[in-house]
Amino acid sequence: MDLESRVAELERRVAALEGAREAAPEPAGGPDAGDFWALEGLKALFDRAGVPDGGVLFTGAVRPTAGERYEWQYGLPTRAVLDEDWAPAADVFAALGHPVRLRLLREILTGCRTVAELSELDGVGTTGQIYHHLRQLTAAGWLHTTGRGRHEVPAGRVVPLLVMLAAARD
């Protein structure tokens, strides 16, 4: 299948998913509606949209600190994930492959936002090492600066980060 045909097929599927989402009734129940209430809703959505291979969805509503709330969801048909080049994801994952970077992300997400605050923590290294790790995380899209030397996890990365950490648990 040539690229133009593949893009047209993806556009058709996305349009079908968006139409199904608009036509879908509000989800019933929540966890009390059964053990797999979210999964059953996702399968029904893909069935109505004519996506035979199914897909993946991750979502979350989190409050890492007082006053902050992140609600986010993202989903893709299976083919959209399997057919794309995975190589560009290597740098994004590699940035998370260091314990100090993960610690810095956790600290920033829970309110420790400046290099001065981060340097007071035990086990994160020197100020120069902290800057090195922050640059790596920023280059991979896991952080951005908000001015005055403050760092934050972009809103669109909070839930995906927590999903990946949850998926990595034993």
C-alpha atoms as a PDB file:
ATOM      1  CA  MET A   1       0.000   0.000   0.000  1.00  0.00           C
ATOM      2  CA  ASP A   2       1.514   3.362  -0.980  1.00  0.00           C
ATOM      3  CA  LEU A   3       1.876   6.281   1.415  1.00  0.00           C
ATOM      4  CA  GLU A   4      -1.037   8.244  -0.033  1.00  0.00           C
ATOM      5  CA  SER A   5      -3.380   5.277   0.412  1.00  0.00           C
ATOM      6  CA  ARG A   6      -2.166   4.687   3.953  1.00  0.00           C
ATOM      7  CA  VAL A   7      -2.697   8.338   4.901  1.00  0.00           C
ATOM      8  CA  ALA A   8      -6.177   8.292   3.350  1.00  0.00           C
ATOM      9  CA  GLU A   9      -7.040   5.154   5.332  1.00  0.00           C
ATOM     10  CA  LEU A  10      -5.772   6.714   8.571  1.00  0.00           C
ATOM     11  CA  GLU A  11      -7.788   9.869   7.899  1.00  0.00           C
ATOM     12  CA  ARG A  12     -10.903   7.745   7.290  1.00  0.00           C
ATOM     13  CA  ARG A  13     -10.384   5.869  10.542  1.00  0.00           C
ATOM     14  CA  VAL A  14      -9.731   9.022  12.572  1.00  0.00           C
ATOM     15  CA  ALA A  15     -12.882  10.625  11.128  1.00  0.00           C
ATOM     16  CA  ALA A  16     -14.861   7.494  12.003  1.00  0.00           C
ATOM     17  CA  LEU A  17     -13.487   7.514  15.543  1.00  0.00           C
ATOM     18  CA  GLU A  18     -14.266  11.189  16.011  1.00  0.00           C
ATOM     19  CA  GLY A  19     -17.790  10.670  14.679  1.00  0.00           C
ATOM     20  CA  ALA A  20     -18.309   7.686  16.960  1.00  0.00           C
ATOM     21  CA  ARG A  21     -17.046   9.653  19.940  1.00  0.00           C
ATOM     22  CA  GLU A  22     -19.526  12.459  19.227  1.00  0.00           C
ATOM     23  CA  ALA A  23     -22.376   9.971  18.829  1.00  0.00           C
ATOM     24  CA  ALA A  24     -21.397   7.823  21.795  1.00  0.00           C
ATOM     25  CA  PRO A  25     -23.492   8.093  24.940  1.00  0.00           C
ATOM     26  CA  GLU A  26     -21.870   9.157  28.172  1.00  0.00           C
ATOM     27  CA  PRO A  27     -19.996   6.249  29.742  1.00  0.00           C
ATOM     28  CA  ALA A  28     -22.123   4.385  32.230  1.00  0.00           C
ATOM     29  CA  GLY A  29     -21.041   3.706  35.725  1.00  0.00           C
ATOM     30  CA  GLY A  30     -17.329   3.635  36.044  1.00  0.00           C
ATOM     31  CA  PRO A  31     -15.598   0.987  38.093  1.00  0.00           C
ATOM     32  CA  ASP A  32     -18.915  -0.116  39.630  1.00  0.00           C
ATOM     33  CA  ALA A  33     -20.151  -1.027  36.141  1.00  0.00           C
ATOM     34  CA  GLY A  34     -17.772  -4.007  35.975  1.00  0.00           C
ATOM     35  CA  ASP A  35     -14.103  -4.850  36.120  1.00  0.00           C
ATOM     36  CA  PHE A  36     -13.423  -3.894  32.497  1.00  0.00           C
ATOM     37  CA  TRP A  37     -15.807  -0.949  32.049  1.00  0.00           C
ATOM     38  CA  ALA A  38     -13.201   1.201  30.266  1.00  0.00           C
ATOM     39  CA  LEU A  39     -12.070  -1.648  28.026  1.00  0.00           C
ATOM     40  CA  GLU A  40     -15.643  -2.566  27.073  1.00  0.00           C
ATOM     41  CA  GLY A  41     -16.359   1.065  26.186  1.00  0.00           C
ATOM     42  CA  LEU A  42     -13.223   1.251  24.048  1.00  0.00           C
ATOM     43  CA  LYS A  43     -14.071  -1.969  22.200  1.00  0.00           C
ATOM     44  CA  ALA A  44     -17.594  -0.715  21.510  1.00  0.00           C
ATOM     45  CA  LEU A  45     -16.217   2.582  20.201  1.00  0.00           C
ATOM     46  CA  PHE A  46     -13.831   0.849  17.806  1.00  0.00           C
ATOM     47  CA  ASP A  47     -16.580  -1.550  16.686  1.00  0.00           C
ATOM     48  CA  ARG A  48     -18.931   1.364  15.894  1.00  0.00           C
ATOM     49  CA  ALA A  49     -16.119   3.161  14.077  1.00  0.00           C
ATOM     50  CA  GLY A  50     -15.346   0.140  11.920  1.00  0.00           C
ATOM     51  CA  VAL A  51     -11.802  -0.304  13.225  1.00  0.00           C
ATOM     52  CA  PRO A  52     -11.417  -4.100  13.093  1.00  0.00           C
ATOM     53  CA  ASP A  53      -7.925  -4.279  14.616  1.00  0.00           C
ATOM     54  CA  GLY A  54      -8.934  -2.383  17.755  1.00  0.00           C
ATOM     55  CA  GLY A  55      -6.639   0.132  19.322  1.00  0.00           C
ATOM     56  CA  VAL A  56      -5.054   1.529  22.419  1.00  0.00           C
ATOM     57  CA  LEU A  57      -6.173   4.266  24.765  1.00  0.00           C
ATOM     58  CA  PHE A  58      -4.619   5.810  27.811  1.00  0.00           C
ATOM     59  CA  THR A  59      -6.271   8.353  29.999  1.00  0.00           C
ATOM     60  CA  GLY A  60      -6.019   9.906  33.406  1.00  0.00           C
ATOM     61  CA  ALA A  61      -7.198  12.602  35.772  1.00  0.00           C
ATOM     62  CA  VAL A  62      -4.433  13.475  38.221  1.00  0.00           C
ATOM     63  CA  ARG A  63      -3.684  16.096  40.861  1.00  0.00           C
ATOM     64  CA  PRO A  64       0.049  15.932  41.602  1.00  0.00           C
ATOM     65  CA  THR A  65      -0.014  19.071  43.780  1.00  0.00           C
ATOM     66  CA  ALA A  66      -2.667  21.232  45.353  1.00  0.00           C
ATOM     67  CA  GLY A  67      -4.152  23.511  42.747  1.00  0.00           C
ATOM     68  CA  GLU A  68      -3.018  21.472  39.738  1.00  0.00           C
ATOM     69  CA  ARG A  69      -5.228  19.139  37.800  1.00  0.00           C
ATOM     70  CA  TYR A  70      -4.452  17.327  34.575  1.00  0.00           C
ATOM     71  CA  GLU A  71      -7.100  15.480  32.584  1.00  0.00           C
ATOM     72  CA  TRP A  72      -5.956  13.841  29.423  1.00  0.00           C
ATOM     73  CA  GLN A  73      -6.672  10.994  27.039  1.00  0.00           C
ATOM     74  CA  TYR A  74      -5.159   9.748  23.830  1.00  0.00           C
ATOM     75  CA  GLY A  75      -5.984   6.806  21.644  1.00  0.00           C
ATOM     76  CA  LEU A  76      -4.912   5.331  18.339  1.00  0.00           C
ATOM     77  CA  PRO A  77      -6.017   2.446  16.149  1.00  0.00           C
ATOM     78  CA  THR A  78      -3.644  -0.523  16.358  1.00  0.00           C
ATOM     79  CA  ARG A  79      -2.538  -0.147  12.738  1.00  0.00           C
ATOM     80  CA  ALA A  80      -1.587   3.500  13.285  1.00  0.00           C
ATOM     81  CA  VAL A  81       0.841   2.396  15.990  1.00  0.00           C
ATOM     82  CA  LEU A  82       2.191  -0.757  14.338  1.00  0.00           C
ATOM     83  CA  ASP A  83       2.667   0.792  10.900  1.00  0.00           C
ATOM     84  CA  GLU A  84       4.656   3.842  11.962  1.00  0.00           C
ATOM     85  CA  ASP A  85       8.415   4.056  12.431  1.00  0.00           C
ATOM     86  CA  TRP A  86       9.231   3.481  16.098  1.00  0.00           C
ATOM     87  CA  ALA A  87      12.819   4.765  15.878  1.00  0.00           C
ATOM     88  CA  PRO A  88      11.956   8.397  16.766  1.00  0.00           C
ATOM     89  CA  ALA A  89      10.564   7.192  20.104  1.00  0.00           C
ATOM     90  CA  ALA A  90      14.014   5.960  21.166  1.00  0.00           C
ATOM     91  CA  ASP A  91      15.233   9.410  22.234  1.00  0.00           C
ATOM     92  CA  VAL A  92      12.022  10.078  24.165  1.00  0.00           C
ATOM     93  CA  PHE A  93      12.391   6.798  26.061  1.00  0.00           C
ATOM     94  CA  ALA A  94      16.170   7.196  26.448  1.00  0.00           C
ATOM     95  CA  ALA A  95      15.684  10.464  28.318  1.00  0.00           C
ATOM     96  CA  LEU A  96      13.776   8.504  30.956  1.00  0.00           C
ATOM     97  CA  GLY A  97      16.497   5.867  31.211  1.00  0.00           C
ATOM     98  CA  HIS A  98      18.394   7.444  34.081  1.00  0.00           C
ATOM     99  CA  PRO A  99      17.332   7.224  37.745  1.00  0.00           C
ATOM    100  CA  VAL A 100      18.256  10.846  38.461  1.00  0.00           C
ATOM    101  CA  ARG A 101      16.145  12.084  35.542  1.00  0.00           C
ATOM    102  CA  LEU A 102      13.173  10.123  36.795  1.00  0.00           C
ATOM    103  CA  ARG A 103      13.716  11.571  40.259  1.00  0.00           C
ATOM    104  CA  LEU A 104      13.924  15.097  38.851  1.00  0.00           C
ATOM    105  CA  LEU A 105      10.687  14.589  36.933  1.00  0.00           C
ATOM    106  CA  ARG A 106       8.945  13.347  40.074  1.00  0.00           C
ATOM    107  CA  GLU A 107      10.228  16.263  42.134  1.00  0.00           C
ATOM    108  CA  ILE A 108       9.246  18.807  39.477  1.00  0.00           C
ATOM    109  CA  LEU A 109       5.820  17.231  39.049  1.00  0.00           C
ATOM    110  CA  THR A 110       5.202  17.432  42.779  1.00  0.00           C
ATOM    111  CA  GLY A 111       6.271  21.051  43.184  1.00  0.00           C
ATOM    112  CA  CYS A 112      10.063  21.389  43.307  1.00  0.00           C
ATOM    113  CA  ARG A 113      10.545  23.607  40.248  1.00  0.00           C
ATOM    114  CA  THR A 114      13.874  25.463  40.268  1.00  0.00           C
ATOM    115  CA  VAL A 115      17.462  24.253  40.034  1.00  0.00           C
ATOM    116  CA  ALA A 116      18.091  25.811  43.454  1.00  0.00           C
ATOM    117  CA  GLU A 117      15.288  23.692  44.956  1.00  0.00           C
ATOM    118  CA  LEU A 118      16.413  20.586  43.089  1.00  0.00           C
ATOM    119  CA  SER A 119      20.042  21.002  44.155  1.00  0.00           C
ATOM    120  CA  GLU A 120      18.968  20.818  47.820  1.00  0.00           C
ATOM    121  CA  LEU A 121      17.817  17.212  47.296  1.00  0.00           C
ATOM    122  CA  ASP A 122      20.092  14.351  48.251  1.00  0.00           C
ATOM    123  CA  GLY A 123      21.371  12.130  45.468  1.00  0.00           C
ATOM    124  CA  VAL A 124      20.700  14.314  42.406  1.00  0.00           C
ATOM    125  CA  GLY A 125      24.268  15.491  41.894  1.00  0.00           C
ATOM    126  CA  THR A 126      25.883  18.864  41.400  1.00  0.00           C
ATOM    127  CA  THR A 127      24.190  21.889  39.887  1.00  0.00           C
ATOM    128  CA  GLY A 128      26.036  21.194  36.619  1.00  0.00           C
ATOM    129  CA  GLN A 129      24.786  17.598  36.593  1.00  0.00           C
ATOM    130  CA  ILE A 130      21.244  18.752  37.310  1.00  0.00           C
ATOM    131  CA  TYR A 131      21.395  21.175  34.372  1.00  0.00           C
ATOM    132  CA  HIS A 132      22.685  18.353  32.159  1.00  0.00           C
ATOM    133  CA  HIS A 133      19.740  16.115  33.101  1.00  0.00           C
ATOM    134  CA  LEU A 134      17.236  18.951  32.710  1.00  0.00           C
ATOM    135  CA  ARG A 135      18.580  19.654  29.199  1.00  0.00           C
ATOM    136  CA  GLN A 136      18.147  15.984  28.270  1.00  0.00           C
ATOM    137  CA  LEU A 137      14.568  15.950  29.580  1.00  0.00           C
ATOM    138  CA  THR A 138      13.748  19.237  27.854  1.00  0.00           C
ATOM    139  CA  ALA A 139      15.182  18.081  24.515  1.00  0.00           C
ATOM    140  CA  ALA A 140      12.997  14.963  24.669  1.00  0.00           C
ATOM    141  CA  GLY A 141       9.881  16.991  25.492  1.00  0.00           C
ATOM    142  CA  TRP A 142       9.487  15.849  29.097  1.00  0.00           C
ATOM    143  CA  LEU A 143      10.126  19.325  30.509  1.00  0.00           C
ATOM    144  CA  HIS A 144       9.917  22.961  29.544  1.00  0.00           C
ATOM    145  CA  THR A 145      10.903  26.150  31.292  1.00  0.00           C
ATOM    146  CA  THR A 146       8.261  28.614  32.348  1.00  0.00           C
ATOM    147  CA  GLY A 147      10.526  31.585  33.049  1.00  0.00           C
ATOM    148  CA  ARG A 148      12.528  32.652  36.064  1.00  0.00           C
ATOM    149  CA  GLY A 149      14.352  29.337  35.971  1.00  0.00           C
ATOM    150  CA  ARG A 150      11.254  27.310  36.738  1.00  0.00           C
ATOM    151  CA  HIS A 151      10.706  23.932  35.100  1.00  0.00           C
ATOM    152  CA  GLU A 152       7.507  21.977  34.614  1.00  0.00           C
ATOM    153  CA  VAL A 153       6.269  18.832  32.945  1.00  0.00           C
ATOM    154  CA  PRO A 154       4.087  19.937  30.005  1.00  0.00           C
ATOM    155  CA  ALA A 155       0.402  19.228  30.642  1.00  0.00           C
ATOM    156  CA  GLY A 156       0.227  16.823  27.691  1.00  0.00           C
ATOM    157  CA  ARG A 157       3.079  14.748  29.131  1.00  0.00           C
ATOM    158  CA  VAL A 158       1.868  14.323  32.733  1.00  0.00           C
ATOM    159  CA  VAL A 159      -0.564  11.445  32.171  1.00  0.00           C
ATOM    160  CA  PRO A 160       1.622   9.660  29.568  1.00  0.00           C
ATOM    161  CA  LEU A 161       4.551   9.788  32.001  1.00  0.00           C
ATOM    162  CA  LEU A 162       2.463   8.313  34.801  1.00  0.00           C
ATOM    163  CA  VAL A 163       1.044   5.670  32.432  1.00  0.00           C
ATOM    164  CA  MET A 164       4.544   4.564  31.418  1.00  0.00           C
ATOM    165  CA  LEU A 165       5.658   4.419  35.039  1.00  0.00           C
ATOM    166  CA  ALA A 166       2.558   2.395  35.943  1.00  0.00           C
ATOM    167  CA  ALA A 167       3.244   0.056  33.010  1.00  0.00           C
ATOM    168  CA  ALA A 168       6.821  -0.466  34.205  1.00  0.00           C
ATOM    169  CA  ARG A 169       5.733  -1.757  37.600  1.00  0.00           C
ATOM    170  CA  ASP A 170       6.204  -5.432  38.403  1.00  0.00           C
END
